[in-house]
Amino acid sequence: MTTTRPSAIPTVQIDNERVKVTEWRFAPGAHTGWHRHGMDYVVVPMTTGALTLDTPNGQIQSPLTAGVSYTRLTGVEHDVINANDFEFVFVEIELK
């Protein structure tokens, strides 16, 4: 039996000529789906926990702390999965 994951819920808060700011909410087990980032971006975790990243090089665990931001460059490919038993939230700021 194939189990499908629920989708994470994106809410775009700002989308202008310079930035796109999106709040991402992940129910337990939810994921973004496989995607490639077309812009440099900053993530601000609102929850402390670990997310699972499916990457071209396999799965990795990404421990995150609420309020501790990180940045990545254009071209990152992955599926972000909330393997926690609680909702996980972060804000993503894409730089245009």
PDB file of N, CA and C in Angstrom:
ATOM      1  N   MET A   1       0.842  -1.180   0.000  1.00  0.00           N
ATOM      2  CA  MET A   1       0.000   0.000   0.000  1.00  0.00           C
ATOM      3  C   MET A   1       0.887   1.243   0.000  1.00  0.00           C
ATOM      4  N   THR A   2       0.609   2.175  -0.879  1.00  0.00           N
ATOM      5  CA  THR A   2       1.374   3.408  -0.964  1.00  0.00           C
ATOM      6  C   THR A   2       0.733   4.465  -0.083  1.00  0.00           C
ATOM      7  N   THR A   3       1.563   5.099   0.745  1.00  0.00           N
ATOM      8  CA  THR A   3       1.075   6.169   1.595  1.00  0.00           C
ATOM      9  C   THR A   3       1.497   7.497   0.989  1.00  0.00           C
ATOM     10  N   THR A   4       0.557   8.401   0.845  1.00  0.00           N
ATOM     11  CA  THR A   4       0.904   9.717   0.333  1.00  0.00           C
ATOM     12  C   THR A   4       1.037  10.687   1.498  1.00  0.00           C
ATOM     13  N   ARG A   5       1.978  11.574   1.393  1.00  0.00           N
ATOM     14  CA  ARG A   5       2.204  12.578   2.425  1.00  0.00           C
ATOM     15  C   ARG A   5       1.274  13.764   2.187  1.00  0.00           C
ATOM     16  N   PRO A   6       0.827  14.403   3.281  1.00  0.00           N
ATOM     17  CA  PRO A   6       0.103  15.666   3.089  1.00  0.00           C
ATOM     18  C   PRO A   6       1.074  16.748   2.624  1.00  0.00           C
ATOM     19  N   SER A   7       0.554  17.755   1.983  1.00  0.00           N
ATOM     20  CA  SER A   7       1.395  18.862   1.508  1.00  0.00           C
ATOM     21  C   SER A   7       1.543  19.922   2.584  1.00  0.00           C
ATOM     22  N   ALA A   8       2.748  20.476   2.680  1.00  0.00           N
ATOM     23  CA  ALA A   8       2.958  21.646   3.529  1.00  0.00           C
ATOM     24  C   ALA A   8       2.130  22.790   2.959  1.00  0.00           C
ATOM     25  N   ILE A   9       1.739  23.718   3.826  1.00  0.00           N
ATOM     26  CA  ILE A   9       0.877  24.829   3.408  1.00  0.00           C
ATOM     27  C   ILE A   9       1.695  26.119   3.317  1.00  0.00           C
ATOM     28  N   PRO A  10       1.904  26.645   2.093  1.00  0.00           N
ATOM     29  CA  PRO A  10       2.609  27.920   1.949  1.00  0.00           C
ATOM     30  C   PRO A  10       1.622  29.089   1.954  1.00  0.00           C
ATOM     31  N   THR A  11       1.968  30.152   2.678  1.00  0.00           N
ATOM     32  CA  THR A  11       1.188  31.386   2.658  1.00  0.00           C
ATOM     33  C   THR A  11       2.137  32.527   2.301  1.00  0.00           C
ATOM     34  N   VAL A  12       1.957  33.081   1.113  1.00  0.00           N
ATOM     35  CA  VAL A  12       2.810  34.185   0.677  1.00  0.00           C
ATOM     36  C   VAL A  12       2.380  35.445   1.426  1.00  0.00           C
ATOM     37  N   GLN A  13       3.338  36.047   2.129  1.00  0.00           N
ATOM     38  CA  GLN A  13       3.061  37.254   2.909  1.00  0.00           C
ATOM     39  C   GLN A  13       3.459  38.518   2.159  1.00  0.00           C
ATOM     40  N   ILE A  14       4.563  38.447   1.408  1.00  0.00           N
ATOM     41  CA  ILE A  14       5.054  39.580   0.617  1.00  0.00           C
ATOM     42  C   ILE A  14       5.584  39.014  -0.697  1.00  0.00           C
ATOM     43  N   ASP A  15       5.258  39.672  -1.797  1.00  0.00           N
ATOM     44  CA  ASP A  15       5.833  39.311  -3.093  1.00  0.00           C
ATOM     45  C   ASP A  15       5.942  40.597  -3.896  1.00  0.00           C
ATOM     46  N   ASN A  16       7.152  41.177  -3.907  1.00  0.00           N
ATOM     47  CA  ASN A  16       7.361  42.413  -4.636  1.00  0.00           C
ATOM     48  C   ASN A  16       8.583  42.283  -5.533  1.00  0.00           C
ATOM     49  N   GLU A  17       9.098  43.391  -6.036  1.00  0.00           N
ATOM     50  CA  GLU A  17      10.208  43.338  -6.986  1.00  0.00           C
ATOM     51  C   GLU A  17      11.524  42.900  -6.354  1.00  0.00           C
ATOM     52  N   ARG A  18      11.623  42.886  -5.007  1.00  0.00           N
ATOM     53  CA  ARG A  18      12.894  42.558  -4.343  1.00  0.00           C
ATOM     54  C   ARG A  18      12.883  41.245  -3.579  1.00  0.00           C
ATOM     55  N   VAL A  19      11.743  40.896  -2.956  1.00  0.00           N
ATOM     56  CA  VAL A  19      11.684  39.688  -2.125  1.00  0.00           C
ATOM     57  C   VAL A  19      10.339  38.989  -2.253  1.00  0.00           C
ATOM     58  N   LYS A  20      10.369  37.700  -1.923  1.00  0.00           N
ATOM     59  CA  LYS A  20       9.138  36.933  -1.737  1.00  0.00           C
ATOM     60  C   LYS A  20       9.260  36.280  -0.369  1.00  0.00           C
ATOM     61  N   VAL A  21       8.302  36.550   0.502  1.00  0.00           N
ATOM     62  CA  VAL A  21       8.301  36.023   1.865  1.00  0.00           C
ATOM     63  C   VAL A  21       7.118  35.066   1.992  1.00  0.00           C
ATOM     64  N   THR A  22       7.430  33.826   2.368  1.00  0.00           N
ATOM     65  CA  THR A  22       6.410  32.789   2.470  1.00  0.00           C
ATOM     66  C   THR A  22       6.496  32.105   3.824  1.00  0.00           C
ATOM     67  N   GLU A  23       5.363  31.998   4.507  1.00  0.00           N
ATOM     68  CA  GLU A  23       5.297  31.179   5.716  1.00  0.00           C
ATOM     69  C   GLU A  23       4.928  29.760   5.290  1.00  0.00           C
ATOM     70  N   TRP A  24       5.714  28.785   5.758  1.00  0.00           N
ATOM     71  CA  TRP A  24       5.450  27.373   5.470  1.00  0.00           C
ATOM     72  C   TRP A  24       5.008  26.676   6.748  1.00  0.00           C
ATOM     73  N   ARG A  25       3.860  26.004   6.703  1.00  0.00           N
ATOM     74  CA  ARG A  25       3.341  25.229   7.838  1.00  0.00           C
ATOM     75  C   ARG A  25       3.276  23.760   7.434  1.00  0.00           C
ATOM     76  N   PHE A  26       3.910  22.936   8.244  1.00  0.00           N
ATOM     77  CA  PHE A  26       3.988  21.500   7.998  1.00  0.00           C
ATOM     78  C   PHE A  26       3.269  20.754   9.111  1.00  0.00           C
ATOM     79  N   ALA A  27       2.172  20.095   8.796  1.00  0.00           N
ATOM     80  CA  ALA A  27       1.574  19.159   9.752  1.00  0.00           C
ATOM     81  C   ALA A  27       2.559  17.998   9.914  1.00  0.00           C
ATOM     82  N   PRO A  28       2.428  17.190  10.958  1.00  0.00           N
ATOM     83  CA  PRO A  28       3.303  16.013  11.059  1.00  0.00           C
ATOM     84  C   PRO A  28       3.222  15.173   9.784  1.00  0.00           C
ATOM     85  N   GLY A  29       4.370  14.844   9.215  1.00  0.00           N
ATOM     86  CA  GLY A  29       4.435  14.037   7.996  1.00  0.00           C
ATOM     87  C   GLY A  29       4.322  14.820   6.703  1.00  0.00           C
ATOM     88  N   ALA A  30       3.999  16.116   6.765  1.00  0.00           N
ATOM     89  CA  ALA A  30       3.813  16.907   5.545  1.00  0.00           C
ATOM     90  C   ALA A  30       5.150  17.202   4.860  1.00  0.00           C
ATOM     91  N   HIS A  31       5.066  17.495   3.572  1.00  0.00           N
ATOM     92  CA  HIS A  31       6.280  17.790   2.797  1.00  0.00           C
ATOM     93  C   HIS A  31       6.003  18.866   1.760  1.00  0.00           C
ATOM     94  N   THR A  32       7.098  19.429   1.231  1.00  0.00           N
ATOM     95  CA  THR A  32       6.968  20.461   0.203  1.00  0.00           C
ATOM     96  C   THR A  32       6.792  19.865  -1.180  1.00  0.00           C
ATOM     97  N   GLY A  33       7.256  18.642  -1.373  1.00  0.00           N
ATOM     98  CA  GLY A  33       7.376  18.084  -2.716  1.00  0.00           C
ATOM     99  C   GLY A  33       8.744  18.460  -3.267  1.00  0.00           C
ATOM    100  N   TRP A  34       9.229  17.667  -4.210  1.00  0.00           N
ATOM    101  CA  TRP A  34      10.551  17.886  -4.788  1.00  0.00           C
ATOM    102  C   TRP A  34      10.551  19.215  -5.530  1.00  0.00           C
ATOM    103  N   HIS A  35      11.569  20.052  -5.272  1.00  0.00           N
ATOM    104  CA  HIS A  35      11.659  21.339  -5.957  1.00  0.00           C
ATOM    105  C   HIS A  35      13.105  21.817  -6.017  1.00  0.00           C
ATOM    106  N   ARG A  36      13.342  22.754  -6.918  1.00  0.00           N
ATOM    107  CA  ARG A  36      14.657  23.387  -7.090  1.00  0.00           C
ATOM    108  C   ARG A  36      14.475  24.878  -6.863  1.00  0.00           C
ATOM    109  N   HIS A  37      15.307  25.455  -5.993  1.00  0.00           N
ATOM    110  CA  HIS A  37      15.209  26.879  -5.686  1.00  0.00           C
ATOM    111  C   HIS A  37      15.797  27.722  -6.815  1.00  0.00           C
ATOM    112  N   GLY A  38      15.006  28.670  -7.309  1.00  0.00           N
ATOM    113  CA  GLY A  38      15.419  29.539  -8.386  1.00  0.00           C
ATOM    114  C   GLY A  38      16.000  30.859  -7.913  1.00  0.00           C
ATOM    115  N   MET A  39      16.047  31.057  -6.580  1.00  0.00           N
ATOM    116  CA  MET A  39      16.583  32.292  -6.004  1.00  0.00           C
ATOM    117  C   MET A  39      17.369  31.941  -4.740  1.00  0.00           C
ATOM    118  N   ASP A  40      18.340  32.799  -4.388  1.00  0.00           N
ATOM    119  CA  ASP A  40      18.953  32.693  -3.070  1.00  0.00           C
ATOM    120  C   ASP A  40      17.848  32.895  -2.039  1.00  0.00           C
ATOM    121  N   TYR A  41      18.006  32.286  -0.856  1.00  0.00           N
ATOM    122  CA  TYR A  41      16.951  32.425   0.144  1.00  0.00           C
ATOM    123  C   TYR A  41      17.491  32.322   1.562  1.00  0.00           C
ATOM    124  N   VAL A  42      16.683  32.854   2.487  1.00  0.00           N
ATOM    125  CA  VAL A  42      16.934  32.791   3.924  1.00  0.00           C
ATOM    126  C   VAL A  42      15.737  32.108   4.553  1.00  0.00           C
ATOM    127  N   VAL A  43      15.994  31.209   5.508  1.00  0.00           N
ATOM    128  CA  VAL A  43      14.919  30.556   6.256  1.00  0.00           C
ATOM    129  C   VAL A  43      15.019  30.978   7.716  1.00  0.00           C
ATOM    130  N   VAL A  44      13.885  31.370   8.288  1.00  0.00           N
ATOM    131  CA  VAL A  44      13.791  31.715   9.699  1.00  0.00           C
ATOM    132  C   VAL A  44      12.853  30.687  10.353  1.00  0.00           C
ATOM    133  N   PRO A  45      13.408  29.702  11.076  1.00  0.00           N
ATOM    134  CA  PRO A  45      12.556  28.719  11.741  1.00  0.00           C
ATOM    135  C   PRO A  45      11.733  29.378  12.846  1.00  0.00           C
ATOM    136  N   MET A  46      10.479  29.025  12.932  1.00  0.00           N
ATOM    137  CA  MET A  46       9.599  29.495  13.993  1.00  0.00           C
ATOM    138  C   MET A  46       9.392  28.401  15.036  1.00  0.00           C
ATOM    139  N   THR A  47       9.888  27.205  14.736  1.00  0.00           N
ATOM    140  CA  THR A  47       9.748  26.018  15.577  1.00  0.00           C
ATOM    141  C   THR A  47      11.136  25.400  15.739  1.00  0.00           C
ATOM    142  N   THR A  48      11.368  24.772  16.869  1.00  0.00           N
ATOM    143  CA  THR A  48      12.604  24.019  17.079  1.00  0.00           C
ATOM    144  C   THR A  48      12.319  22.544  16.838  1.00  0.00           C
ATOM    145  N   GLY A  49      13.167  21.908  16.055  1.00  0.00           N
ATOM    146  CA  GLY A  49      13.012  20.488  15.736  1.00  0.00           C
ATOM    147  C   GLY A  49      13.915  20.154  14.568  1.00  0.00           C
ATOM    148  N   ALA A  50      13.749  18.988  14.005  1.00  0.00           N
ATOM    149  CA  ALA A  50      14.546  18.570  12.853  1.00  0.00           C
ATOM    150  C   ALA A  50      13.625  18.304  11.673  1.00  0.00           C
ATOM    151  N   LEU A  51      14.043  18.749  10.499  1.00  0.00           N
ATOM    152  CA  LEU A  51      13.343  18.414   9.273  1.00  0.00           C
ATOM    153  C   LEU A  51      14.191  17.413   8.503  1.00  0.00           C
ATOM    154  N   THR A  52      13.532  16.540   7.764  1.00  0.00           N
ATOM    155  CA  THR A  52      14.217  15.573   6.913  1.00  0.00           C
ATOM    156  C   THR A  52      14.264  16.154   5.509  1.00  0.00           C
ATOM    157  N   LEU A  53      15.439  16.121   4.897  1.00  0.00           N
ATOM    158  CA  LEU A  53      15.602  16.608   3.533  1.00  0.00           C
ATOM    159  C   LEU A  53      15.929  15.444   2.619  1.00  0.00           C
ATOM    160  N   ASP A  54      15.074  15.189   1.639  1.00  0.00           N
ATOM    161  CA  ASP A  54      15.403  14.255   0.562  1.00  0.00           C
ATOM    162  C   ASP A  54      16.186  15.067  -0.449  1.00  0.00           C
ATOM    163  N   THR A  55      17.427  14.661  -0.735  1.00  0.00           N
ATOM    164  CA  THR A  55      18.293  15.400  -1.652  1.00  0.00           C
ATOM    165  C   THR A  55      18.790  14.451  -2.737  1.00  0.00           C
ATOM    166  N   PRO A  56      19.410  14.989  -3.785  1.00  0.00           N
ATOM    167  CA  PRO A  56      19.981  14.110  -4.805  1.00  0.00           C
ATOM    168  C   PRO A  56      21.045  13.162  -4.238  1.00  0.00           C
ATOM    169  N   ASN A  57      21.610  13.503  -3.078  1.00  0.00           N
ATOM    170  CA  ASN A  57      22.635  12.672  -2.439  1.00  0.00           C
ATOM    171  C   ASN A  57      22.096  11.836  -1.285  1.00  0.00           C
ATOM    172  N   GLY A  58      20.780  11.706  -1.177  1.00  0.00           N
ATOM    173  CA  GLY A  58      20.175  10.915  -0.105  1.00  0.00           C
ATOM    174  C   GLY A  58      19.513  11.790   0.942  1.00  0.00           C
ATOM    175  N   GLN A  59      19.003  11.135   1.984  1.00  0.00           N
ATOM    176  CA  GLN A  59      18.309  11.849   3.058  1.00  0.00           C
ATOM    177  C   GLN A  59      19.286  12.384   4.089  1.00  0.00           C
ATOM    178  N   ILE A  60      19.002  13.598   4.561  1.00  0.00           N
ATOM    179  CA  ILE A  60      19.761  14.161   5.672  1.00  0.00           C
ATOM    180  C   ILE A  60      18.796  14.771   6.672  1.00  0.00           C
ATOM    181  N   GLN A  61      19.219  14.845   7.911  1.00  0.00           N
ATOM    182  CA  GLN A  61      18.442  15.489   8.965  1.00  0.00           C
ATOM    183  C   GLN A  61      18.973  16.896   9.152  1.00  0.00           C
ATOM    184  N   SER A  62      18.078  17.847   9.249  1.00  0.00           N
ATOM    185  CA  SER A  62      18.466  19.240   9.424  1.00  0.00           C
ATOM    186  C   SER A  62      17.876  19.747  10.733  1.00  0.00           C
ATOM    187  N   PRO A  63      18.689  19.770  11.813  1.00  0.00           N
ATOM    188  CA  PRO A  63      18.181  20.298  13.086  1.00  0.00           C
ATOM    189  C   PRO A  63      18.060  21.822  13.010  1.00  0.00           C
ATOM    190  N   LEU A  64      16.910  22.349  13.424  1.00  0.00           N
ATOM    191  CA  LEU A  64      16.646  23.780  13.360  1.00  0.00           C
ATOM    192  C   LEU A  64      16.215  24.284  14.735  1.00  0.00           C
ATOM    193  N   THR A  65      16.573  25.535  15.014  1.00  0.00           N
ATOM    194  CA  THR A  65      16.221  26.174  16.282  1.00  0.00           C
ATOM    195  C   THR A  65      15.407  27.419  15.983  1.00  0.00           C
ATOM    196  N   ALA A  66      14.285  27.584  16.670  1.00  0.00           N
ATOM    197  CA  ALA A  66      13.423  28.746  16.457  1.00  0.00           C
ATOM    198  C   ALA A  66      14.231  30.028  16.567  1.00  0.00           C
ATOM    199  N   GLY A  67      14.097  30.886  15.557  1.00  0.00           N
ATOM    200  CA  GLY A  67      14.759  32.178  15.553  1.00  0.00           C
ATOM    201  C   GLY A  67      16.179  32.182  15.039  1.00  0.00           C
ATOM    202  N   VAL A  68      16.760  31.014  14.740  1.00  0.00           N
ATOM    203  CA  VAL A  68      18.138  30.937  14.235  1.00  0.00           C
ATOM    204  C   VAL A  68      18.078  30.721  12.719  1.00  0.00           C
ATOM    205  N   SER A  69      18.346  31.780  11.983  1.00  0.00           N
ATOM    206  CA  SER A  69      18.211  31.777  10.524  1.00  0.00           C
ATOM    207  C   SER A  69      19.393  31.104   9.831  1.00  0.00           C
ATOM    208  N   TYR A  70      19.160  30.665   8.597  1.00  0.00           N
ATOM    209  CA  TYR A  70      20.237  30.182   7.742  1.00  0.00           C
ATOM    210  C   TYR A  70      19.930  30.592   6.311  1.00  0.00           C
ATOM    211  N   THR A  71      20.930  30.510   5.442  1.00  0.00           N
ATOM    212  CA  THR A  71      20.766  30.917   4.051  1.00  0.00           C
ATOM    213  C   THR A  71      21.299  29.844   3.109  1.00  0.00           C
ATOM    214  N   ARG A  72      20.735  29.786   1.922  1.00  0.00           N
ATOM    215  CA  ARG A  72      21.180  28.875   0.869  1.00  0.00           C
ATOM    216  C   ARG A  72      21.180  29.626  -0.456  1.00  0.00           C
ATOM    217  N   LEU A  73      21.990  29.135  -1.384  1.00  0.00           N
ATOM    218  CA  LEU A  73      22.095  29.758  -2.701  1.00  0.00           C
ATOM    219  C   LEU A  73      21.139  29.123  -3.703  1.00  0.00           C
ATOM    220  N   THR A  74      20.904  29.831  -4.786  1.00  0.00           N
ATOM    221  CA  THR A  74      20.095  29.339  -5.903  1.00  0.00           C
ATOM    222  C   THR A  74      20.574  27.947  -6.314  1.00  0.00           C
ATOM    223  N   GLY A  75      19.631  27.081  -6.674  1.00  0.00           N
ATOM    224  CA  GLY A  75      19.988  25.773  -7.222  1.00  0.00           C
ATOM    225  C   GLY A  75      19.783  24.609  -6.278  1.00  0.00           C
ATOM    226  N   VAL A  76      19.522  24.869  -5.004  1.00  0.00           N
ATOM    227  CA  VAL A  76      19.293  23.777  -4.051  1.00  0.00           C
ATOM    228  C   VAL A  76      18.074  22.973  -4.507  1.00  0.00           C
ATOM    229  N   GLU A  77      18.213  21.625  -4.499  1.00  0.00           N
ATOM    230  CA  GLU A  77      17.112  20.725  -4.866  1.00  0.00           C
ATOM    231  C   GLU A  77      16.828  19.798  -3.696  1.00  0.00           C
ATOM    232  N   HIS A  78      15.556  19.691  -3.333  1.00  0.00           N
ATOM    233  CA  HIS A  78      15.192  18.804  -2.226  1.00  0.00           C
ATOM    234  C   HIS A  78      13.686  18.705  -2.067  1.00  0.00           C
ATOM    235  N   ASP A  79      13.292  17.786  -1.202  1.00  0.00           N
ATOM    236  CA  ASP A  79      11.927  17.686  -0.687  1.00  0.00           C
ATOM    237  C   ASP A  79      12.083  17.815   0.820  1.00  0.00           C
ATOM    238  N   VAL A  80      11.397  18.768   1.421  1.00  0.00           N
ATOM    239  CA  VAL A  80      11.488  19.011   2.865  1.00  0.00           C
ATOM    240  C   VAL A  80      10.323  18.297   3.536  1.00  0.00           C
ATOM    241  N   ILE A  81      10.625  17.462   4.541  1.00  0.00           N
ATOM    242  CA  ILE A  81       9.625  16.616   5.198  1.00  0.00           C
ATOM    243  C   ILE A  81       9.638  16.867   6.708  1.00  0.00           C
ATOM    244  N   ASN A  82       8.468  17.036   7.280  1.00  0.00           N
ATOM    245  CA  ASN A  82       8.360  17.160   8.735  1.00  0.00           C
ATOM    246  C   ASN A  82       8.128  15.779   9.330  1.00  0.00           C
ATOM    247  N   ALA A  83       9.200  15.175   9.863  1.00  0.00           N
ATOM    248  CA  ALA A  83       9.091  13.854  10.493  1.00  0.00           C
ATOM    249  C   ALA A  83       8.787  13.962  11.987  1.00  0.00           C
ATOM    250  N   ASN A  84       8.607  15.191  12.475  1.00  0.00           N
ATOM    251  CA  ASN A  84       8.247  15.388  13.885  1.00  0.00           C
ATOM    252  C   ASN A  84       6.798  14.996  14.115  1.00  0.00           C
ATOM    253  N   ASP A  85       6.426  14.814  15.377  1.00  0.00           N
ATOM    254  CA  ASP A  85       5.030  14.511  15.700  1.00  0.00           C
ATOM    255  C   ASP A  85       4.272  15.778  16.085  1.00  0.00           C
ATOM    256  N   PHE A  86       4.804  16.932  15.656  1.00  0.00           N
ATOM    257  CA  PHE A  86       4.168  18.225  15.910  1.00  0.00           C
ATOM    258  C   PHE A  86       4.307  19.102  14.665  1.00  0.00           C
ATOM    259  N   GLU A  87       3.474  20.132  14.586  1.00  0.00           N
ATOM    260  CA  GLU A  87       3.539  21.063  13.468  1.00  0.00           C
ATOM    261  C   GLU A  87       4.890  21.775  13.469  1.00  0.00           C
ATOM    262  N   PHE A  88       5.432  21.990  12.281  1.00  0.00           N
ATOM    263  CA  PHE A  88       6.681  22.738  12.129  1.00  0.00           C
ATOM    264  C   PHE A  88       6.407  23.925  11.215  1.00  0.00           C
ATOM    265  N   VAL A  89       6.944  25.096  11.588  1.00  0.00           N
ATOM    266  CA  VAL A  89       6.705  26.326  10.826  1.00  0.00           C
ATOM    267  C   VAL A  89       8.028  27.038  10.587  1.00  0.00           C
ATOM    268  N   PHE A  90       8.208  27.519   9.348  1.00  0.00           N
ATOM    269  CA  PHE A  90       9.320  28.435   9.094  1.00  0.00           C
ATOM    270  C   PHE A  90       8.883  29.490   8.091  1.00  0.00           C
ATOM    271  N   VAL A  91       9.636  30.592   8.077  1.00  0.00           N
ATOM    272  CA  VAL A  91       9.421  31.665   7.107  1.00  0.00           C
ATOM    273  C   VAL A  91      10.587  31.635   6.144  1.00  0.00           C
ATOM    274  N   GLU A  92      10.281  31.616   4.857  1.00  0.00           N
ATOM    275  CA  GLU A  92      11.288  31.604   3.795  1.00  0.00           C
ATOM    276  C   GLU A  92      11.278  32.965   3.096  1.00  0.00           C
ATOM    277  N   ILE A  93      12.466  33.567   2.977  1.00  0.00           N
ATOM    278  CA  ILE A  93      12.614  34.856   2.320  1.00  0.00           C
ATOM    279  C   ILE A  93      13.475  34.640   1.079  1.00  0.00           C
ATOM    280  N   GLU A  94      12.871  34.735  -0.095  1.00  0.00           N
ATOM    281  CA  GLU A  94      13.590  34.567  -1.352  1.00  0.00           C
ATOM    282  C   GLU A  94      14.028  35.931  -1.860  1.00  0.00           C
ATOM    283  N   LEU A  95      15.306  36.017  -2.269  1.00  0.00           N
ATOM    284  CA  LEU A  95      15.879  37.281  -2.724  1.00  0.00           C
ATOM    285  C   LEU A  95      15.872  37.325  -4.249  1.00  0.00           C
ATOM    286  N   LYS A  96      15.152  38.284  -4.791  1.00  0.00           N
ATOM    287  CA  LYS A  96      15.014  38.388  -6.252  1.00  0.00           C
ATOM    288  C   LYS A  96      16.157  39.174  -6.856  1.00  0.00           C
TER     289      LYS A  96
END
